[in-house]
Amino acid sequence: MTLPRTSLVLGLFAAAALAAPALADPNGFGEIQQVSRTVHVGDVDLHTTDGARVAARRIKNAASYVCGGDSRLALMSSDFSACRRDAIDRALAAIDAPLVSAALGRSTPTDLAAR
């Protein structure tokens, strides 16, 4: 059974001065830009381990993209790691799929309740 949501938009604000050069303001003013990527999940069953793994991989790839992961410089930045973590958290909140959260190594509501 798939969730009614067939895609989600993974977006965040990134400071151009800290983001990848491709995202930087060509005028050098360091403006903040909205970067987003749509993650399609309607073709996978988020209630199965295999489907959750596929969705998790798509979310991680999209998070890397919106955080400037196509730049080697960005990949080495601590800002990249924090940005990617935040983007993944936002995506997980949008789809509320415990198996996807688990596939990404995040706590699920069941894990939190057990504490």
N, C-alpha and C. Protein backbone atom coordinates (compact mmCIF):
# COMPACT_ATOMS: atom_id res chain seq x y z
N MET A 1 0.85 -1.17 0.00
CA MET A 1 0.00 0.00 0.00
C MET A 1 0.89 1.24 0.00
N THR A 2 0.68 2.15 -0.93
CA THR A 2 1.48 3.36 -0.97
C THR A 2 0.72 4.50 -0.32
N LEU A 3 1.46 5.48 0.14
CA LEU A 3 0.83 6.67 0.71
C LEU A 3 0.21 7.49 -0.40
N PRO A 4 -0.81 8.29 -0.11
CA PRO A 4 -1.46 9.08 -1.15
C PRO A 4 -0.52 10.11 -1.78
N ARG A 5 0.46 10.55 -1.04
CA ARG A 5 1.39 11.54 -1.57
C ARG A 5 2.32 10.83 -2.56
N THR A 6 2.39 11.30 -3.79
CA THR A 6 3.22 10.64 -4.78
C THR A 6 4.58 11.30 -4.94
N SER A 7 4.74 12.49 -4.40
CA SER A 7 6.04 13.14 -4.45
C SER A 7 6.11 14.20 -3.37
N LEU A 8 7.30 14.61 -3.05
CA LEU A 8 7.48 15.68 -2.10
C LEU A 8 8.57 16.59 -2.65
N VAL A 9 8.54 17.82 -2.21
CA VAL A 9 9.55 18.77 -2.65
C VAL A 9 10.49 18.99 -1.49
N LEU A 10 11.74 18.69 -1.74
CA LEU A 10 12.77 18.86 -0.73
C LEU A 10 13.41 20.21 -0.98
N GLY A 11 13.18 21.14 -0.07
CA GLY A 11 13.71 22.48 -0.28
C GLY A 11 14.29 23.05 0.98
N LEU A 12 15.15 23.99 0.82
CA LEU A 12 15.74 24.69 1.93
C LEU A 12 16.39 25.96 1.43
N PHE A 13 16.70 26.83 2.37
CA PHE A 13 17.41 28.04 2.02
C PHE A 13 18.89 27.79 2.24
N ALA A 14 19.69 28.20 1.29
CA ALA A 14 21.13 28.04 1.41
C ALA A 14 21.81 29.37 1.15
N ALA A 15 22.73 29.71 1.99
CA ALA A 15 23.49 30.95 1.77
C ALA A 15 24.42 30.72 0.60
N ALA A 16 24.32 31.54 -0.39
CA ALA A 16 25.12 31.36 -1.61
C ALA A 16 26.60 31.41 -1.30
N ALA A 17 27.01 32.16 -0.33
CA ALA A 17 28.43 32.24 0.00
C ALA A 17 28.95 30.91 0.53
N LEU A 18 28.09 30.08 1.10
CA LEU A 18 28.50 28.81 1.66
C LEU A 18 28.12 27.63 0.79
N ALA A 19 27.27 27.87 -0.19
CA ALA A 19 26.81 26.79 -1.05
C ALA A 19 27.78 26.55 -2.19
N ALA A 20 27.45 25.61 -3.02
CA ALA A 20 28.30 25.27 -4.15
C ALA A 20 28.43 26.45 -5.10
N PRO A 21 29.56 26.56 -5.81
CA PRO A 21 29.73 27.66 -6.75
C PRO A 21 28.60 27.75 -7.79
N ALA A 22 28.01 26.63 -8.16
CA ALA A 22 26.92 26.66 -9.14
C ALA A 22 25.71 27.40 -8.60
N LEU A 23 25.57 27.44 -7.28
CA LEU A 23 24.43 28.11 -6.67
C LEU A 23 24.73 29.56 -6.30
N ALA A 24 26.00 29.92 -6.37
CA ALA A 24 26.40 31.24 -5.92
C ALA A 24 25.82 32.34 -6.80
N ASP A 25 25.59 33.48 -6.19
CA ASP A 25 25.09 34.65 -6.88
C ASP A 25 26.17 35.15 -7.84
N PRO A 26 25.90 35.25 -9.14
CA PRO A 26 26.92 35.68 -10.09
C PRO A 26 27.43 37.09 -9.82
N ASN A 27 26.66 37.89 -9.11
CA ASN A 27 27.10 39.25 -8.79
C ASN A 27 27.94 39.30 -7.52
N GLY A 28 28.05 38.16 -6.83
CA GLY A 28 28.88 38.09 -5.64
C GLY A 28 28.28 38.73 -4.41
N PHE A 29 26.97 38.90 -4.37
CA PHE A 29 26.34 39.55 -3.22
C PHE A 29 25.94 38.58 -2.12
N GLY A 30 26.11 37.29 -2.36
CA GLY A 30 25.81 36.30 -1.34
C GLY A 30 24.36 36.25 -0.92
N GLU A 31 23.45 36.40 -1.86
CA GLU A 31 22.02 36.36 -1.55
C GLU A 31 21.60 34.94 -1.19
N ILE A 32 20.54 34.85 -0.42
CA ILE A 32 19.99 33.54 -0.07
C ILE A 32 19.05 33.11 -1.17
N GLN A 33 19.18 31.85 -1.57
CA GLN A 33 18.37 31.30 -2.65
C GLN A 33 17.59 30.09 -2.15
N GLN A 34 16.42 29.89 -2.73
CA GLN A 34 15.64 28.68 -2.45
C GLN A 34 16.05 27.64 -3.48
N VAL A 35 16.45 26.50 -3.01
CA VAL A 35 16.84 25.40 -3.88
C VAL A 35 15.92 24.23 -3.54
N SER A 36 15.34 23.61 -4.53
CA SER A 36 14.46 22.48 -4.24
C SER A 36 14.61 21.39 -5.29
N ARG A 37 14.18 20.24 -4.92
CA ARG A 37 14.18 19.10 -5.82
C ARG A 37 12.98 18.25 -5.45
N THR A 38 12.24 17.80 -6.45
CA THR A 38 11.08 16.95 -6.23
C THR A 38 11.55 15.50 -6.12
N VAL A 39 11.06 14.81 -5.11
CA VAL A 39 11.37 13.39 -4.92
C VAL A 39 10.08 12.62 -5.15
N HIS A 40 10.08 11.79 -6.17
CA HIS A 40 8.89 10.99 -6.49
C HIS A 40 8.93 9.69 -5.70
N VAL A 41 7.87 9.41 -4.99
CA VAL A 41 7.79 8.19 -4.19
C VAL A 41 6.50 7.40 -4.47
N GLY A 42 5.70 7.86 -5.42
CA GLY A 42 4.43 7.21 -5.71
C GLY A 42 4.57 5.84 -6.33
N ASP A 43 5.74 5.54 -6.88
CA ASP A 43 5.94 4.25 -7.54
C ASP A 43 6.54 3.20 -6.62
N VAL A 44 6.74 3.53 -5.34
CA VAL A 44 7.29 2.56 -4.39
C VAL A 44 6.35 2.39 -3.20
N ASP A 45 6.38 1.23 -2.61
CA ASP A 45 5.56 0.97 -1.44
C ASP A 45 6.38 1.31 -0.20
N LEU A 46 6.03 2.39 0.47
CA LEU A 46 6.78 2.87 1.62
C LEU A 46 6.57 2.00 2.85
N HIS A 47 5.71 0.99 2.74
CA HIS A 47 5.43 0.09 3.85
C HIS A 47 6.21 -1.22 3.73
N THR A 48 7.14 -1.29 2.77
CA THR A 48 8.01 -2.46 2.64
C THR A 48 9.46 -1.99 2.78
N THR A 49 10.31 -2.91 3.20
CA THR A 49 11.72 -2.58 3.38
C THR A 49 12.36 -2.16 2.06
N ASP A 50 12.07 -2.90 0.99
CA ASP A 50 12.65 -2.55 -0.32
C ASP A 50 12.18 -1.19 -0.80
N GLY A 51 10.89 -0.93 -0.68
CA GLY A 51 10.36 0.37 -1.09
C GLY A 51 10.94 1.51 -0.27
N ALA A 52 11.09 1.28 1.02
CA ALA A 52 11.66 2.29 1.92
C ALA A 52 13.11 2.58 1.54
N ARG A 53 13.86 1.56 1.18
CA ARG A 53 15.26 1.76 0.77
C ARG A 53 15.34 2.60 -0.50
N VAL A 54 14.45 2.34 -1.44
CA VAL A 54 14.44 3.12 -2.68
C VAL A 54 14.12 4.59 -2.38
N ALA A 55 13.09 4.81 -1.57
CA ALA A 55 12.72 6.18 -1.20
C ALA A 55 13.85 6.87 -0.43
N ALA A 56 14.49 6.14 0.47
CA ALA A 56 15.60 6.71 1.25
C ALA A 56 16.74 7.14 0.34
N ARG A 57 17.08 6.31 -0.63
CA ARG A 57 18.15 6.65 -1.58
C ARG A 57 17.79 7.90 -2.38
N ARG A 58 16.54 8.00 -2.81
CA ARG A 58 16.10 9.18 -3.56
C ARG A 58 16.17 10.44 -2.70
N ILE A 59 15.75 10.32 -1.44
CA ILE A 59 15.78 11.47 -0.53
C ILE A 59 17.23 11.90 -0.28
N LYS A 60 18.12 10.93 -0.04
CA LYS A 60 19.53 11.28 0.19
C LYS A 60 20.13 11.96 -1.03
N ASN A 61 19.83 11.46 -2.21
CA ASN A 61 20.36 12.07 -3.43
C ASN A 61 19.83 13.49 -3.61
N ALA A 62 18.55 13.68 -3.35
CA ALA A 62 17.96 15.02 -3.48
C ALA A 62 18.53 15.97 -2.45
N ALA A 63 18.73 15.49 -1.23
CA ALA A 63 19.31 16.33 -0.18
C ALA A 63 20.73 16.74 -0.55
N SER A 64 21.48 15.82 -1.10
CA SER A 64 22.84 16.15 -1.53
C SER A 64 22.80 17.21 -2.62
N TYR A 65 21.88 17.06 -3.55
CA TYR A 65 21.77 18.03 -4.65
C TYR A 65 21.43 19.43 -4.13
N VAL A 66 20.39 19.55 -3.29
CA VAL A 66 19.97 20.88 -2.86
C VAL A 66 21.00 21.54 -1.95
N CYS A 67 21.88 20.73 -1.38
CA CYS A 67 22.91 21.29 -0.50
C CYS A 67 24.23 21.54 -1.23
N GLY A 68 24.22 21.39 -2.53
CA GLY A 68 25.42 21.68 -3.32
C GLY A 68 26.36 20.51 -3.45
N GLY A 69 25.86 19.30 -3.32
CA GLY A 69 26.69 18.10 -3.35
C GLY A 69 27.35 17.78 -4.67
N ASP A 70 27.05 18.54 -5.72
CA ASP A 70 27.74 18.31 -6.98
C ASP A 70 29.09 19.01 -7.00
N SER A 71 29.45 19.67 -5.92
CA SER A 71 30.72 20.37 -5.80
C SER A 71 31.60 19.65 -4.79
N ARG A 72 32.83 19.33 -5.15
CA ARG A 72 33.75 18.66 -4.21
C ARG A 72 34.00 19.54 -2.99
N LEU A 73 34.05 20.85 -3.19
CA LEU A 73 34.26 21.77 -2.08
C LEU A 73 33.10 21.70 -1.09
N ALA A 74 31.88 21.66 -1.62
CA ALA A 74 30.71 21.59 -0.74
C ALA A 74 30.69 20.29 0.04
N LEU A 75 31.08 19.18 -0.60
CA LEU A 75 31.06 17.88 0.07
C LEU A 75 31.97 17.84 1.29
N MET A 76 33.02 18.63 1.30
CA MET A 76 33.97 18.64 2.42
C MET A 76 33.57 19.62 3.51
N SER A 77 32.55 20.40 3.29
CA SER A 77 32.13 21.42 4.23
C SER A 77 31.25 20.86 5.34
N SER A 78 31.44 21.36 6.56
CA SER A 78 30.55 20.96 7.65
C SER A 78 29.15 21.53 7.41
N ASP A 79 29.07 22.63 6.67
CA ASP A 79 27.77 23.20 6.32
C ASP A 79 26.98 22.23 5.44
N PHE A 80 27.68 21.51 4.56
CA PHE A 80 27.03 20.53 3.70
C PHE A 80 26.37 19.45 4.55
N SER A 81 27.10 18.92 5.52
CA SER A 81 26.55 17.85 6.37
C SER A 81 25.32 18.33 7.13
N ALA A 82 25.39 19.51 7.70
CA ALA A 82 24.25 20.05 8.45
C ALA A 82 23.07 20.32 7.53
N CYS A 83 23.35 20.87 6.36
CA CYS A 83 22.31 21.16 5.37
C CYS A 83 21.62 19.87 4.94
N ARG A 84 22.42 18.86 4.63
CA ARG A 84 21.87 17.58 4.16
C ARG A 84 21.03 16.92 5.26
N ARG A 85 21.52 16.96 6.49
CA ARG A 85 20.77 16.38 7.61
C ARG A 85 19.42 17.08 7.78
N ASP A 86 19.43 18.42 7.68
CA ASP A 86 18.19 19.19 7.81
C ASP A 86 17.23 18.89 6.67
N ALA A 87 17.75 18.81 5.46
CA ALA A 87 16.89 18.52 4.29
C ALA A 87 16.26 17.13 4.41
N ILE A 88 17.03 16.16 4.86
CA ILE A 88 16.49 14.80 5.04
C ILE A 88 15.42 14.81 6.13
N ASP A 89 15.68 15.51 7.22
CA ASP A 89 14.68 15.60 8.30
C ASP A 89 13.38 16.22 7.81
N ARG A 90 13.48 17.26 6.98
CA ARG A 90 12.28 17.90 6.44
C ARG A 90 11.50 16.94 5.53
N ALA A 91 12.23 16.20 4.72
CA ALA A 91 11.56 15.24 3.83
C ALA A 91 10.86 14.16 4.64
N LEU A 92 11.53 13.66 5.66
CA LEU A 92 10.92 12.61 6.49
C LEU A 92 9.68 13.12 7.20
N ALA A 93 9.70 14.34 7.65
CA ALA A 93 8.53 14.92 8.30
C ALA A 93 7.38 15.04 7.32
N ALA A 94 7.69 15.29 6.05
CA ALA A 94 6.65 15.48 5.04
C ALA A 94 5.97 14.17 4.66
N ILE A 95 6.69 13.05 4.73
CA ILE A 95 6.07 11.80 4.29
C ILE A 95 5.64 10.89 5.44
N ASP A 96 6.17 11.08 6.64
CA ASP A 96 5.78 10.29 7.80
C ASP A 96 5.75 8.80 7.46
N ALA A 97 6.93 8.26 7.10
CA ALA A 97 7.05 6.85 6.74
C ALA A 97 8.15 6.23 7.61
N PRO A 98 7.77 5.52 8.67
CA PRO A 98 8.76 4.98 9.61
C PRO A 98 9.83 4.10 8.98
N LEU A 99 9.48 3.29 7.99
CA LEU A 99 10.49 2.43 7.37
C LEU A 99 11.52 3.24 6.59
N VAL A 100 11.09 4.35 6.01
CA VAL A 100 12.03 5.23 5.30
C VAL A 100 12.95 5.90 6.32
N SER A 101 12.38 6.34 7.43
CA SER A 101 13.20 6.93 8.50
C SER A 101 14.24 5.93 8.97
N ALA A 102 13.82 4.69 9.19
CA ALA A 102 14.75 3.66 9.64
C ALA A 102 15.83 3.39 8.59
N ALA A 103 15.45 3.38 7.32
CA ALA A 103 16.43 3.15 6.25
C ALA A 103 17.47 4.26 6.19
N LEU A 104 17.10 5.44 6.68
CA LEU A 104 18.03 6.57 6.72
C LEU A 104 18.73 6.70 8.07
N GLY A 105 18.50 5.72 8.95
CA GLY A 105 19.15 5.73 10.25
C GLY A 105 18.59 6.76 11.21
N ARG A 106 17.35 7.18 10.97
CA ARG A 106 16.71 8.16 11.84
C ARG A 106 15.75 7.45 12.79
N SER A 107 15.49 8.10 13.90
CA SER A 107 14.52 7.56 14.85
C SER A 107 13.13 7.62 14.26
N THR A 108 12.38 6.60 14.52
CA THR A 108 10.98 6.57 14.10
C THR A 108 10.13 6.89 15.31
N PRO A 109 8.86 7.24 15.11
CA PRO A 109 7.99 7.52 16.26
C PRO A 109 7.95 6.34 17.24
N THR A 110 8.01 5.12 16.76
CA THR A 110 8.02 3.93 17.62
C THR A 110 9.29 3.90 18.46
N ASP A 111 10.44 4.24 17.84
CA ASP A 111 11.71 4.27 18.59
C ASP A 111 11.64 5.31 19.70
N LEU A 112 11.09 6.47 19.38
CA LEU A 112 11.00 7.55 20.37
C LEU A 112 10.08 7.18 21.52
N ALA A 113 8.97 6.49 21.21
CA ALA A 113 8.01 6.10 22.24
C ALA A 113 8.59 5.05 23.18
N ALA A 114 9.52 4.25 22.67
CA ALA A 114 10.11 3.19 23.48
C ALA A 114 11.10 3.74 24.51
N ARG A 115 11.54 4.97 24.35
CA ARG A 115 12.53 5.56 25.27
C ARG A 115 11.96 5.85 26.61
